[in-house]
Amino acid sequence: MAKKTENSKVKKKPDADKLIAIYMDYVLEHEKTPKSIYKFAKENDMTEQDFYQYFGSFEGLRKAIWDRFFENSMTVMEKSNEYASFENREKLLTFFYTFFEVLTANRSYVLYALNEHGQSLKGLDQLKNLRKRIRSYAKTLIQDRNSEKSMKLFQQNEMIFSEGVWVQFLFLLKFWMDDNSPAFESTDIAIEKSVNTVFDLFDNTPLERVVDLGKFLWKERMA
């Protein structure tokens, strides 16, 4: 039998998900972002070409992390047999609950990434792709809702609704970052109240929900 040479064992090159995992571990272990792709690749036994095959920069990789959070959330929801039969309000609730469970599973990285430069959430470049995806998801919800209304007068503006859902997400993200309650129970309450408020406002129902949300937020702020 011929002996195996050293070159006969080909090291498996990292794929996009592996690169993301390595990067997230790196920033948590070192409490800083890598200085260069060259050094990052060398320290992790890969070449620059291995990195550039999937990402053009660390910025692109950081955006891809948020894409993965979104994709993982959608995958979990769509595996549920009940999700397809949910009303749009329940779908949005399910999305936020699921997405924040994914964030909680990666809380250390998320807090580091969002606090790294002390920027406001709206100005964070890494969330740009996520904004597009959340707004697109919200549009599908309101499109389904509008299709059930025969008169155009009663249909809702897709752009306003989708932007409202994005702003709502930013509010919930900041709330979750500051949440010190056990199992982030206060965030779950904030999700329920804010989603109910958004849909009630679009349905032109009385503003009890708005008052209820306002009281809750004031209580949390003063606690």
Protein backbone atom coordinates (compact mmCIF):
# COMPACT_ATOMS: atom_id res chain seq x y z
CA MET A 1 0.00 0.00 0.00
CA ALA A 2 1.34 3.42 -0.96
CA LYS A 3 2.07 5.75 1.88
CA LYS A 4 0.03 8.94 2.16
CA THR A 5 1.97 12.06 1.49
CA GLU A 6 1.41 15.30 3.35
CA ASN A 7 -0.21 16.80 0.26
CA SER A 8 -2.74 13.98 0.04
CA LYS A 9 -4.68 15.51 2.91
CA VAL A 10 -6.41 18.60 1.60
CA LYS A 11 -7.57 20.94 4.31
CA LYS A 12 -11.22 21.83 3.92
CA LYS A 13 -11.59 25.49 3.04
CA PRO A 14 -13.97 27.55 5.19
CA ASP A 15 -17.37 28.44 3.74
CA ALA A 16 -19.29 31.65 4.45
CA ASP A 17 -20.91 30.33 7.63
CA LYS A 18 -17.58 29.08 8.96
CA LEU A 19 -15.97 32.46 8.30
CA ILE A 20 -18.80 34.17 10.16
CA ALA A 21 -18.38 31.83 13.14
CA ILE A 22 -14.62 32.40 13.21
CA TYR A 23 -15.08 36.18 13.04
CA MET A 24 -17.68 36.25 15.84
CA ASP A 25 -15.43 34.12 18.05
CA TYR A 26 -12.47 36.37 17.27
CA VAL A 27 -14.12 39.63 18.33
CA LEU A 28 -15.48 38.07 21.51
CA GLU A 29 -12.16 36.49 22.44
CA HIS A 30 -10.06 39.57 21.64
CA GLU A 31 -12.71 42.23 22.42
CA LYS A 32 -11.77 44.02 19.23
CA THR A 33 -12.18 43.66 15.49
CA PRO A 34 -9.32 42.24 13.38
CA LYS A 35 -6.86 44.82 12.07
CA SER A 36 -6.52 43.32 8.60
CA ILE A 37 -7.86 40.48 6.51
CA TYR A 38 -4.31 39.25 5.96
CA LYS A 39 -3.62 38.84 9.68
CA PHE A 40 -7.10 37.46 10.35
CA ALA A 41 -6.65 34.82 7.64
CA LYS A 42 -3.13 33.90 8.75
CA GLU A 43 -4.13 33.54 12.41
CA ASN A 44 -6.96 31.21 11.42
CA ASP A 45 -4.98 28.99 9.06
CA MET A 46 -6.50 30.21 5.82
CA THR A 47 -5.55 32.46 2.92
CA GLU A 48 -6.85 35.89 2.00
CA GLN A 49 -8.38 34.28 -1.08
CA ASP A 50 -10.41 31.98 1.17
CA PHE A 51 -11.90 35.07 2.78
CA TYR A 52 -12.44 37.07 -0.42
CA GLN A 53 -14.26 34.19 -2.03
CA TYR A 54 -17.26 35.06 0.16
CA PHE A 55 -16.75 38.58 1.49
CA GLY A 56 -15.09 41.66 0.06
CA SER A 57 -14.41 43.20 3.46
CA PHE A 58 -15.13 42.90 7.16
CA GLU A 59 -18.02 45.31 6.60
CA GLY A 60 -19.57 42.86 4.16
CA LEU A 61 -19.12 40.04 6.64
CA ARG A 62 -20.73 42.05 9.44
CA LYS A 63 -23.77 42.75 7.26
CA ALA A 64 -23.94 39.05 6.38
CA ILE A 65 -24.16 38.17 10.08
CA TRP A 66 -27.41 40.12 10.36
CA ASP A 67 -28.61 38.47 7.14
CA ARG A 68 -28.02 35.10 8.78
CA PHE A 69 -29.98 36.15 11.86
CA PHE A 70 -32.90 37.08 9.60
CA GLU A 71 -32.64 33.92 7.48
CA ASN A 72 -32.45 31.67 10.54
CA SER A 73 -35.55 33.33 11.97
CA MET A 74 -37.51 32.87 8.74
CA THR A 75 -36.42 29.23 8.50
CA VAL A 76 -37.62 28.51 12.03
CA MET A 77 -40.98 30.20 11.41
CA GLU A 78 -41.62 28.56 8.06
CA LYS A 79 -40.95 25.11 9.51
CA SER A 80 -43.99 25.59 11.70
CA ASN A 81 -47.19 24.16 10.24
CA GLU A 82 -49.24 26.79 12.03
CA TYR A 83 -47.34 29.85 10.74
CA ALA A 84 -48.92 29.85 7.26
CA SER A 85 -52.41 30.02 8.75
CA PHE A 86 -51.63 32.93 11.09
CA GLU A 87 -53.20 36.36 10.64
CA ASN A 88 -50.71 39.08 9.73
CA ARG A 89 -50.65 40.41 13.27
CA GLU A 90 -49.69 36.96 14.56
CA LYS A 91 -47.06 36.59 11.84
CA LEU A 92 -45.36 39.83 12.83
CA LEU A 93 -45.50 38.86 16.49
CA THR A 94 -43.96 35.48 15.63
CA PHE A 95 -41.24 37.14 13.58
CA PHE A 96 -40.19 39.50 16.37
CA TYR A 97 -40.34 36.78 19.03
CA THR A 98 -38.26 34.45 16.86
CA PHE A 99 -35.77 37.10 15.75
CA PHE A 100 -35.08 38.22 19.30
CA GLU A 101 -34.61 34.60 20.38
CA VAL A 102 -31.92 34.35 17.70
CA LEU A 103 -30.35 37.60 18.94
CA THR A 104 -30.46 36.36 22.53
CA ALA A 105 -28.58 33.21 21.48
CA ASN A 106 -25.89 35.55 20.13
CA ARG A 107 -26.30 38.35 22.67
CA SER A 108 -22.62 38.83 23.53
CA TYR A 109 -21.69 39.40 19.90
CA VAL A 110 -24.72 41.60 19.17
CA LEU A 111 -24.03 43.88 22.13
CA TYR A 112 -20.40 44.18 21.13
CA ALA A 113 -21.21 44.92 17.49
CA LEU A 114 -23.84 47.55 18.30
CA ASN A 115 -21.83 49.27 21.03
CA GLU A 116 -18.43 49.11 19.37
CA HIS A 117 -18.41 52.65 18.04
CA GLY A 118 -21.11 54.20 20.20
CA GLN A 119 -23.17 55.04 17.12
CA SER A 120 -26.93 55.46 17.07
CA LEU A 121 -28.71 52.37 15.80
CA LYS A 122 -30.04 54.20 12.75
CA GLY A 123 -26.53 55.06 11.64
CA LEU A 124 -25.08 51.58 11.87
CA ASP A 125 -23.97 50.54 8.42
CA GLN A 126 -24.09 46.86 9.32
CA LEU A 127 -27.91 47.01 9.57
CA LYS A 128 -28.50 48.30 6.04
CA ASN A 129 -29.19 44.92 4.49
CA LEU A 130 -31.33 43.90 7.46
CA ARG A 131 -33.44 47.04 7.00
CA LYS A 132 -34.20 46.05 3.42
CA ARG A 133 -35.15 42.54 4.40
CA ILE A 134 -37.39 43.54 7.31
CA ARG A 135 -39.12 46.19 5.20
CA SER A 136 -39.64 43.66 2.41
CA TYR A 137 -41.11 41.17 4.88
CA ALA A 138 -43.42 43.84 6.29
CA LYS A 139 -44.59 44.74 2.77
CA THR A 140 -45.68 41.17 2.14
CA LEU A 141 -47.78 41.31 5.30
CA ILE A 142 -49.56 44.53 4.36
CA GLN A 143 -49.99 43.37 0.74
CA ASP A 144 -51.80 40.26 1.98
CA ARG A 145 -53.91 42.44 4.24
CA ASN A 146 -54.76 44.88 1.45
CA SER A 147 -55.73 42.07 -0.90
CA GLU A 148 -58.54 41.19 1.48
CA LYS A 149 -60.01 44.71 1.20
CA SER A 150 -62.14 45.27 -1.87
CA MET A 151 -62.14 49.06 -1.68
CA LYS A 152 -58.86 50.89 -2.29
CA LEU A 153 -59.97 53.53 0.21
CA PHE A 154 -59.50 51.04 3.05
CA GLN A 155 -56.14 49.71 1.90
CA GLN A 156 -53.01 50.70 3.79
CA ASN A 157 -49.84 52.37 2.48
CA GLU A 158 -47.18 49.69 2.06
CA MET A 159 -44.21 52.06 2.33
CA ILE A 160 -45.47 53.69 5.51
CA PHE A 161 -46.27 50.35 7.11
CA SER A 162 -42.92 48.76 6.18
CA GLU A 163 -40.96 51.77 7.43
CA GLY A 164 -43.03 51.73 10.60
CA VAL A 165 -42.12 48.10 11.20
CA TRP A 166 -38.43 48.96 10.75
CA VAL A 167 -38.63 51.83 13.24
CA GLN A 168 -40.49 49.49 15.56
CA PHE A 169 -37.66 46.98 15.24
CA LEU A 170 -35.06 49.63 16.12
CA PHE A 171 -37.06 50.56 19.21
CA LEU A 172 -37.32 46.90 20.26
CA LEU A 173 -33.63 46.34 19.57
CA LYS A 174 -32.64 49.20 21.86
CA PHE A 175 -35.16 48.00 24.44
CA TRP A 176 -33.71 44.46 24.33
CA MET A 177 -30.16 45.78 24.66
CA ASP A 178 -31.11 47.58 27.89
CA ASP A 179 -33.41 44.84 29.21
CA ASN A 180 -32.28 43.34 32.52
CA SER A 181 -35.43 41.32 33.23
CA PRO A 182 -35.21 37.52 33.69
CA ALA A 183 -35.30 35.74 30.30
CA PHE A 184 -35.91 39.20 28.80
CA GLU A 185 -39.56 39.02 29.74
CA SER A 186 -39.95 42.80 29.42
CA THR A 187 -38.85 42.62 25.79
CA ASP A 188 -41.54 40.01 25.10
CA ILE A 189 -44.13 42.34 26.62
CA ALA A 190 -42.80 45.27 24.58
CA ILE A 191 -43.05 43.18 21.39
CA GLU A 192 -46.66 42.24 22.08
CA LYS A 193 -47.77 45.75 22.98
CA SER A 194 -45.93 47.47 20.12
CA VAL A 195 -47.20 45.05 17.46
CA ASN A 196 -50.76 45.36 18.72
CA THR A 197 -50.39 49.15 18.65
CA VAL A 198 -49.12 49.22 15.07
CA PHE A 199 -51.97 47.07 13.78
CA ASP A 200 -54.58 48.89 15.82
CA LEU A 201 -53.40 52.23 14.47
CA PHE A 202 -53.66 50.92 10.92
CA ASP A 203 -57.13 49.61 11.65
CA ASN A 204 -58.17 53.02 13.03
CA THR A 205 -59.31 51.51 16.31
CA PRO A 206 -59.46 53.53 19.56
CA LEU A 207 -56.11 54.49 21.03
CA GLU A 208 -56.32 52.44 24.23
CA ARG A 209 -53.41 50.38 22.93
CA VAL A 210 -51.27 53.48 22.50
CA VAL A 211 -52.03 54.59 26.06
CA ASP A 212 -51.31 51.05 27.30
CA LEU A 213 -47.95 51.02 25.50
CA GLY A 214 -47.10 54.49 26.80
CA LYS A 215 -47.82 53.47 30.39
CA PHE A 216 -45.67 50.36 30.02
CA LEU A 217 -42.73 52.27 28.55
CA TRP A 218 -42.95 54.93 31.26
CA LYS A 219 -43.00 52.24 33.95
CA GLU A 220 -39.93 50.55 32.43
CA ARG A 221 -38.08 53.84 32.14
CA MET A 222 -38.74 54.77 35.76
CA ALA A 223 -38.02 51.31 37.18
